[in-house]
Protein backbone atom coordinates (compact mmCIF):
# COMPACT_ATOMS: atom_id res chain seq x y z
CA MET A 1 57.58 125.70 139.98
CA PRO A 2 58.78 129.09 141.31
CA PRO A 3 60.78 128.93 144.66
CA SER A 4 57.56 130.47 146.60
CA ASP A 5 55.26 127.79 145.36
CA ARG A 6 57.99 124.97 146.31
CA SER A 7 57.91 126.53 149.79
CA HIS A 8 54.31 126.69 150.00
CA THR A 9 53.99 122.95 148.83
CA LEU A 10 56.24 121.93 151.69
CA THR A 11 54.37 124.09 154.33
CA ALA A 12 51.30 122.37 153.13
CA LEU A 13 52.67 119.02 153.65
CA ARG A 14 53.77 119.94 157.32
CA ASN A 15 50.36 121.53 158.07
CA ALA A 16 48.84 118.22 156.92
CA LEU A 17 51.09 116.00 158.81
CA GLY A 18 51.76 117.81 161.91
CA LEU A 19 53.90 120.56 163.03
CA THR A 20 54.84 119.58 166.53
CA PRO A 21 56.70 116.66 167.50
CA PRO A 22 55.49 114.21 169.88
CA ARG A 23 56.08 114.81 173.70
CA GLN A 24 57.18 111.23 174.16
CA ILE A 25 59.43 108.65 172.27
CA THR A 26 57.83 105.23 172.21
CA GLN A 27 59.68 104.13 168.83
CA GLU A 28 62.06 101.41 169.30
CA ALA A 29 65.64 102.04 167.96
CA TYR A 30 66.33 99.06 165.72
CA GLU A 31 69.86 98.87 166.64
CA GLY A 32 69.00 99.71 170.44
CA ASN A 33 70.56 103.16 170.55
CA PRO A 34 67.84 105.76 170.37
CA SER A 35 70.21 108.99 170.29
CA HIS A 36 69.10 109.76 166.72
CA LEU A 37 65.50 109.60 167.68
CA ARG A 38 66.26 112.13 170.26
CA ARG A 39 68.07 114.48 168.09
CA LEU A 40 65.13 114.18 165.43
CA THR A 41 62.48 114.85 167.85
CA LYS A 42 64.27 118.18 168.52
CA LEU A 43 64.08 119.14 164.90
CA LYS A 44 61.96 122.41 164.40
CA PRO A 45 60.47 122.65 160.62
CA SER A 46 63.15 125.00 159.43
CA ASP A 47 65.98 122.75 160.77
CA ARG A 48 68.31 120.76 158.71
CA PRO A 49 68.18 116.81 159.68
CA ASN A 50 71.39 114.86 159.94
CA ILE A 51 71.25 112.36 157.02
CA ARG A 52 72.50 109.68 159.19
CA ASP A 53 69.99 110.13 161.86
CA LEU A 54 67.34 109.82 159.09
CA TRP A 55 68.92 106.73 157.77
CA GLU A 56 68.92 105.10 161.11
CA TYR A 57 65.30 105.97 161.41
CA THR A 58 64.36 104.29 158.32
CA GLN A 59 65.64 101.04 159.92
CA ASP A 60 63.32 101.50 162.90
CA LEU A 61 60.47 102.14 160.36
CA LEU A 62 61.37 99.11 158.49
CA TYR A 63 62.12 96.59 161.34
CA THR A 64 60.41 97.78 164.51
CA GLU A 65 56.74 98.88 165.59
CA ILE A 66 56.04 102.42 164.25
CA GLN A 67 55.29 105.43 166.47
CA GLY A 68 52.49 106.89 164.38
CA ASP A 69 52.91 110.62 165.74
CA LEU A 70 56.49 110.56 165.59
CA PHE A 71 56.32 109.14 161.65
CA ALA A 72 53.63 111.92 160.75
CA TYR A 73 56.14 114.51 162.00
CA LEU A 74 59.35 113.33 160.47
CA LEU A 75 58.10 112.58 157.08
CA PRO A 76 58.29 116.06 155.73
CA PHE A 77 61.94 115.94 156.54
CA CYS A 78 62.43 112.79 154.97
CA LEU A 79 60.57 113.84 151.65
CA GLU A 80 62.29 117.02 151.69
CA ILE A 81 65.74 115.20 151.39
CA TRP A 82 64.10 113.05 148.86
CA ARG A 83 63.10 116.09 146.60
CA GLU A 84 66.61 117.45 147.01
CA ASP A 85 68.10 114.25 145.79
CA LEU A 86 65.63 113.83 142.83
CA LEU A 87 66.38 117.60 141.67
CA GLY A 88 70.20 117.27 142.06
CA ILE A 89 70.08 119.90 144.70
CA ASN A 90 72.01 117.76 147.21
CA ARG A 91 73.13 114.06 146.30
CA GLY A 92 74.26 113.33 149.66
CA GLY A 93 70.97 111.66 150.53
CA GLY A 94 70.88 108.88 148.01
CA GLY A 95 71.65 106.29 150.55
CA PHE A 96 69.04 107.45 152.85
CA VAL A 97 66.39 107.34 149.74
CA GLU A 98 67.05 103.96 148.97
CA GLN A 99 65.80 102.98 152.34
CA LEU A 100 63.08 105.31 152.22
CA TYR A 101 61.26 103.98 149.21
CA PRO A 102 60.74 100.55 150.85
CA VAL A 103 59.02 102.26 153.68
CA LEU A 104 56.89 104.15 151.61
CA ALA A 105 56.08 100.83 149.51
CA ASN A 106 54.48 99.41 152.69
CA ARG A 107 50.77 100.02 152.06
CA ASP A 108 50.15 99.48 155.96
CA VAL A 109 52.49 102.48 156.63
CA PHE A 110 49.65 104.69 155.27
CA ARG A 111 46.58 102.87 156.05
CA LYS A 112 47.79 102.57 159.83
CA TYR A 113 49.77 105.52 160.65
CA LEU A 114 48.38 108.48 158.28
CA THR A 115 44.85 109.66 157.58
CA GLU A 116 43.45 109.67 153.98
CA ALA A 117 44.24 113.49 153.81
CA GLN A 118 47.65 113.05 155.07
CA THR A 119 48.19 110.40 152.53
CA GLY A 120 46.92 112.96 149.91
CA ALA A 121 49.22 115.56 150.91
CA VAL A 122 52.25 113.15 150.79
CA SER A 123 51.26 111.99 147.45
CA GLN A 124 50.63 115.58 146.22
CA PHE A 125 54.10 116.67 147.48
CA MET A 126 55.73 113.84 145.65
CA ARG A 127 53.87 114.27 142.21
CA GLU A 128 54.62 117.90 142.43
CA SER A 129 58.27 117.49 143.08
CA ILE A 130 58.51 114.72 140.01
CA LEU A 131 56.86 117.25 137.72
CA GLU A 132 59.39 120.10 139.01
CA GLU A 133 62.35 117.79 137.88
CA ILE A 134 60.29 117.24 134.75
CA ASP A 135 60.19 120.88 134.10
CA ASN A 136 63.60 121.29 134.53
CA GLN A 137 64.56 118.90 131.62
CA ARG A 138 66.78 120.36 128.77
CA GLY A 139 68.60 118.49 125.98
CA LEU A 140 68.23 115.52 123.98
CA PHE A 141 71.47 113.94 124.03
CA TYR A 142 73.09 112.12 127.09
CA GLU A 143 76.01 109.98 127.78
CA GLY A 144 76.92 107.55 130.63
CA THR A 145 75.11 106.61 133.71
CA GLY A 146 74.00 109.49 136.03
CA SER A 147 72.31 111.57 133.31
CA ARG A 148 69.46 113.64 134.36
CA PRO A 149 66.68 111.93 132.73
CA TYR A 150 67.17 108.79 134.71
CA GLU A 151 66.27 110.70 137.87
CA TRP A 152 62.57 111.67 136.60
CA THR A 153 61.81 108.32 134.75
CA THR A 154 62.65 106.35 137.87
CA ALA A 155 60.94 108.68 140.28
CA THR A 156 57.77 108.59 138.07
CA THR A 157 57.84 104.67 137.55
CA THR A 158 58.57 104.28 141.44
CA TYR A 159 55.57 106.44 142.09
CA GLY A 160 53.35 103.89 140.49
CA VAL A 161 54.46 101.41 143.20
CA LEU A 162 53.42 103.65 146.03
CA PHE A 163 50.31 105.53 145.06
CA PRO A 164 47.33 104.44 142.97
CA ASP A 165 47.04 107.71 141.16
CA ILE A 166 49.70 107.72 138.58
CA SER A 167 47.15 109.32 136.12
CA ARG A 168 47.10 112.63 138.22
CA LEU A 169 50.99 112.84 137.42
CA TRP A 170 50.72 111.29 133.96
CA ASN A 171 47.92 113.70 132.80
CA ASP A 172 49.85 116.62 134.09
CA TRP A 173 53.05 115.83 132.36
CA TRP A 174 51.28 114.81 128.89
CA LEU A 175 49.45 118.39 128.80
CA LEU A 176 52.81 119.76 127.87
CA GLY A 177 52.23 122.92 129.90
CA THR A 178 55.98 123.51 130.01
CA LEU A 179 59.06 123.23 127.82
CA GLY A 180 60.65 120.86 130.20
CA ARG A 181 57.55 118.52 129.92
CA ALA A 182 58.06 118.54 126.13
CA VAL A 183 61.55 117.62 126.50
CA ALA A 184 60.75 114.83 128.68
CA THR A 185 58.06 113.50 126.36
CA VAL A 186 60.70 113.15 123.61
CA GLN A 187 63.22 111.48 126.03
CA TYR A 188 60.44 108.97 126.83
CA VAL A 189 59.03 108.28 123.60
CA SER A 190 62.52 107.58 122.32
CA CYS A 191 62.62 104.89 124.92
CA LEU A 192 59.66 103.29 123.58
CA MET A 193 60.56 103.48 119.83
CA TYR A 194 64.21 102.67 119.49
CA PRO A 195 65.84 99.42 119.19
CA GLU A 196 68.80 98.98 121.69
CA GLY A 197 72.03 100.96 120.57
CA GLU A 198 69.90 103.16 117.97
CA ASN A 199 68.46 105.83 120.37
CA PRO A 200 69.58 109.41 119.29
CA VAL A 201 68.90 110.75 122.85
CA PHE A 202 70.71 108.12 124.77
CA ALA A 203 74.07 107.08 123.84
CA ALA A 204 74.70 103.19 123.88
CA TRP A 205 75.62 101.60 127.28
CA THR A 206 79.58 101.10 127.26
CA ARG A 207 81.33 99.06 130.01
CA GLU A 208 83.64 102.17 130.89
CA ARG A 209 80.73 104.71 131.37
CA GLY A 210 77.51 102.92 131.46
CA GLY A 211 74.53 104.80 130.09
CA GLY A 212 72.09 103.66 127.50
CA PRO A 213 68.30 104.41 127.70
CA PRO A 214 66.36 104.39 130.96
CA ARG A 215 64.62 101.14 131.58
CA LEU A 216 61.09 102.54 131.98
CA TRP A 217 60.26 99.85 134.50
CA GLU A 218 63.11 100.12 136.81
CA PHE A 219 61.99 101.39 140.53
CA GLY A 220 64.14 103.40 142.88
CA GLY A 221 65.61 102.23 145.89
CA HIS A 222 65.67 99.01 147.41
CA LEU A 223 62.28 97.63 145.80
CA TYR A 224 63.10 94.02 144.99
CA THR A 225 59.50 92.39 145.28
CA ASN A 226 57.36 95.03 144.07
CA ARG A 227 55.06 95.88 141.01
CA TRP A 228 52.73 98.83 140.13
CA LEU A 229 49.37 99.00 141.73
CA GLU A 230 46.62 97.62 139.65
CA GLN A 231 44.88 100.79 139.12
CA ASN A 232 47.86 102.43 137.57
CA VAL A 233 48.39 99.43 135.35
CA ARG A 234 44.95 99.68 134.07
CA PHE A 235 45.49 103.42 133.50
CA LEU A 236 48.57 102.82 131.43
CA ARG A 237 47.01 100.26 129.25
CA GLU A 238 44.45 102.78 128.49
CA VAL A 239 46.61 105.79 127.65
CA LEU A 240 49.82 104.16 126.26
CA THR A 241 48.98 103.22 122.68
CA PRO A 242 50.79 103.93 119.47
CA GLY A 243 48.00 106.65 118.28
CA SER A 244 48.20 108.48 121.60
CA VAL A 245 52.27 108.15 121.74
CA THR A 246 52.18 109.64 118.02
CA ASP A 247 49.88 112.54 118.86
CA LEU A 248 51.83 113.33 121.80
CA LEU A 249 55.23 113.43 120.23
CA ALA A 250 53.57 115.60 117.55
CA ARG A 251 52.47 118.24 120.26
CA ALA A 252 55.86 117.99 121.73
CA VAL A 253 57.79 118.87 118.45
CA GLU A 254 55.70 121.89 117.80
CA ARG A 255 56.27 123.06 121.39
CA LEU A 256 60.03 123.00 120.87
CA VAL A 257 60.04 124.99 117.78
CA GLY A 258 62.86 127.53 117.99
CA LEU A 259 64.74 125.89 120.65
CA PRO A 260 67.96 123.77 120.44
CA GLU A 261 66.09 120.55 121.10
CA HIS A 262 63.76 120.92 118.15
CA ALA A 263 65.98 119.59 115.38
CA VAL A 264 66.56 116.24 117.53
CA ALA A 265 62.74 116.03 118.20
CA VAL A 266 62.05 116.43 114.38
CA GLU A 267 64.31 113.65 113.66
CA ILE A 268 62.63 111.31 116.08
CA GLN A 269 59.50 112.31 114.72
CA SER A 270 60.56 111.48 111.28
CA ASP A 271 61.76 108.00 112.64
CA LEU A 272 58.56 107.21 114.11
CA PRO A 273 56.89 105.28 110.97
CA LEU A 274 60.10 103.29 110.57
CA CYS A 275 59.91 102.23 114.34
CA ALA A 276 56.07 101.53 114.49
CA ASP A 277 56.16 97.78 115.29
CA THR A 278 58.84 98.28 117.93
CA LEU A 279 56.64 101.23 119.61
CA ALA A 280 53.44 98.92 119.43
CA SER A 281 55.24 96.08 120.74
CA ARG A 282 56.35 98.19 123.70
CA CYS A 283 53.11 100.09 124.38
CA THR A 284 51.89 96.44 124.91
CA ARG A 285 54.77 95.11 126.87
CA LEU A 286 55.29 98.11 129.50
CA PRO A 287 52.05 97.52 131.35
CA GLU A 288 52.96 93.92 131.43
CA ILE A 289 56.31 94.43 132.74
CA LEU A 290 54.82 96.89 135.36
CA GLU A 291 52.52 94.52 136.56
CA THR A 292 54.78 91.63 137.30
CA THR A 293 56.02 91.48 140.74
CA GLN A 294 60.01 92.15 140.46
CA GLN A 295 62.33 89.67 141.88
CA PRO A 296 65.96 90.05 143.09
CA GLY A 297 68.25 88.79 140.42
CA VAL A 298 65.51 88.40 137.72
CA LEU A 299 66.42 90.99 134.92
CA LEU A 300 63.15 92.00 132.91
CA ASP A 301 63.33 93.42 129.45
CA TRP A 302 61.55 94.35 126.36
């Protein structure tokens, strides 16, 4: 997405949620000191918020009654930091993002404090940001924790907890309109078809460096008792089949002809018949895992 389009998307989000802060602060500060709220209400749309102030604000949102007009005004600032973390522009907001996700996962937040149009603007901004990171994908070999594919896979999976329209994100991705979407497809399909330790895209996990393939059901942030929304589970069951994945991989391989990623993509495509049983099993298993309410300390697996 060109920079001008990114700026337009953020402007559209702000226009939808509100360009002026409330005149009065009624939001209770969770820890009793409202100084961060006073600083946040002085922000202009072009200003850069203090991450610590936003982190404290998430605690207000999680544990006290929410002031709706303040929430609408500050949410674009929150989502801009979320986007920068997703894209690797600024990793300093990771701790804040972990706290933001539980706020967004509370469906009452959208029902009570945002209009349907405003919620639509939020979901659109997040979809387009995830697709932007997918578009940036390059390379088909990764070692260790922190590799770039973990970001978009986790954000995509988390989106399925937050909004009921994963189909819009998924369909745009599977159209393979950019090289990054083709690369991301090969990354994702490799996680569906290879047994543990045999994935040529993601080196096996080690105690020293971590790594291994992304777990396609892991949510971002502190989402400990969440699951995908039912509409999203139904959609995934319909589209994630061995046949559709095979066709998608073939289109991705064709899209990558002449690029450095093509040789590995061809290797993965040639392995697909050998991995047919694993692929079929995981196409069935992934929606089952995503519809299971995840619990602290309970590890899910294929």
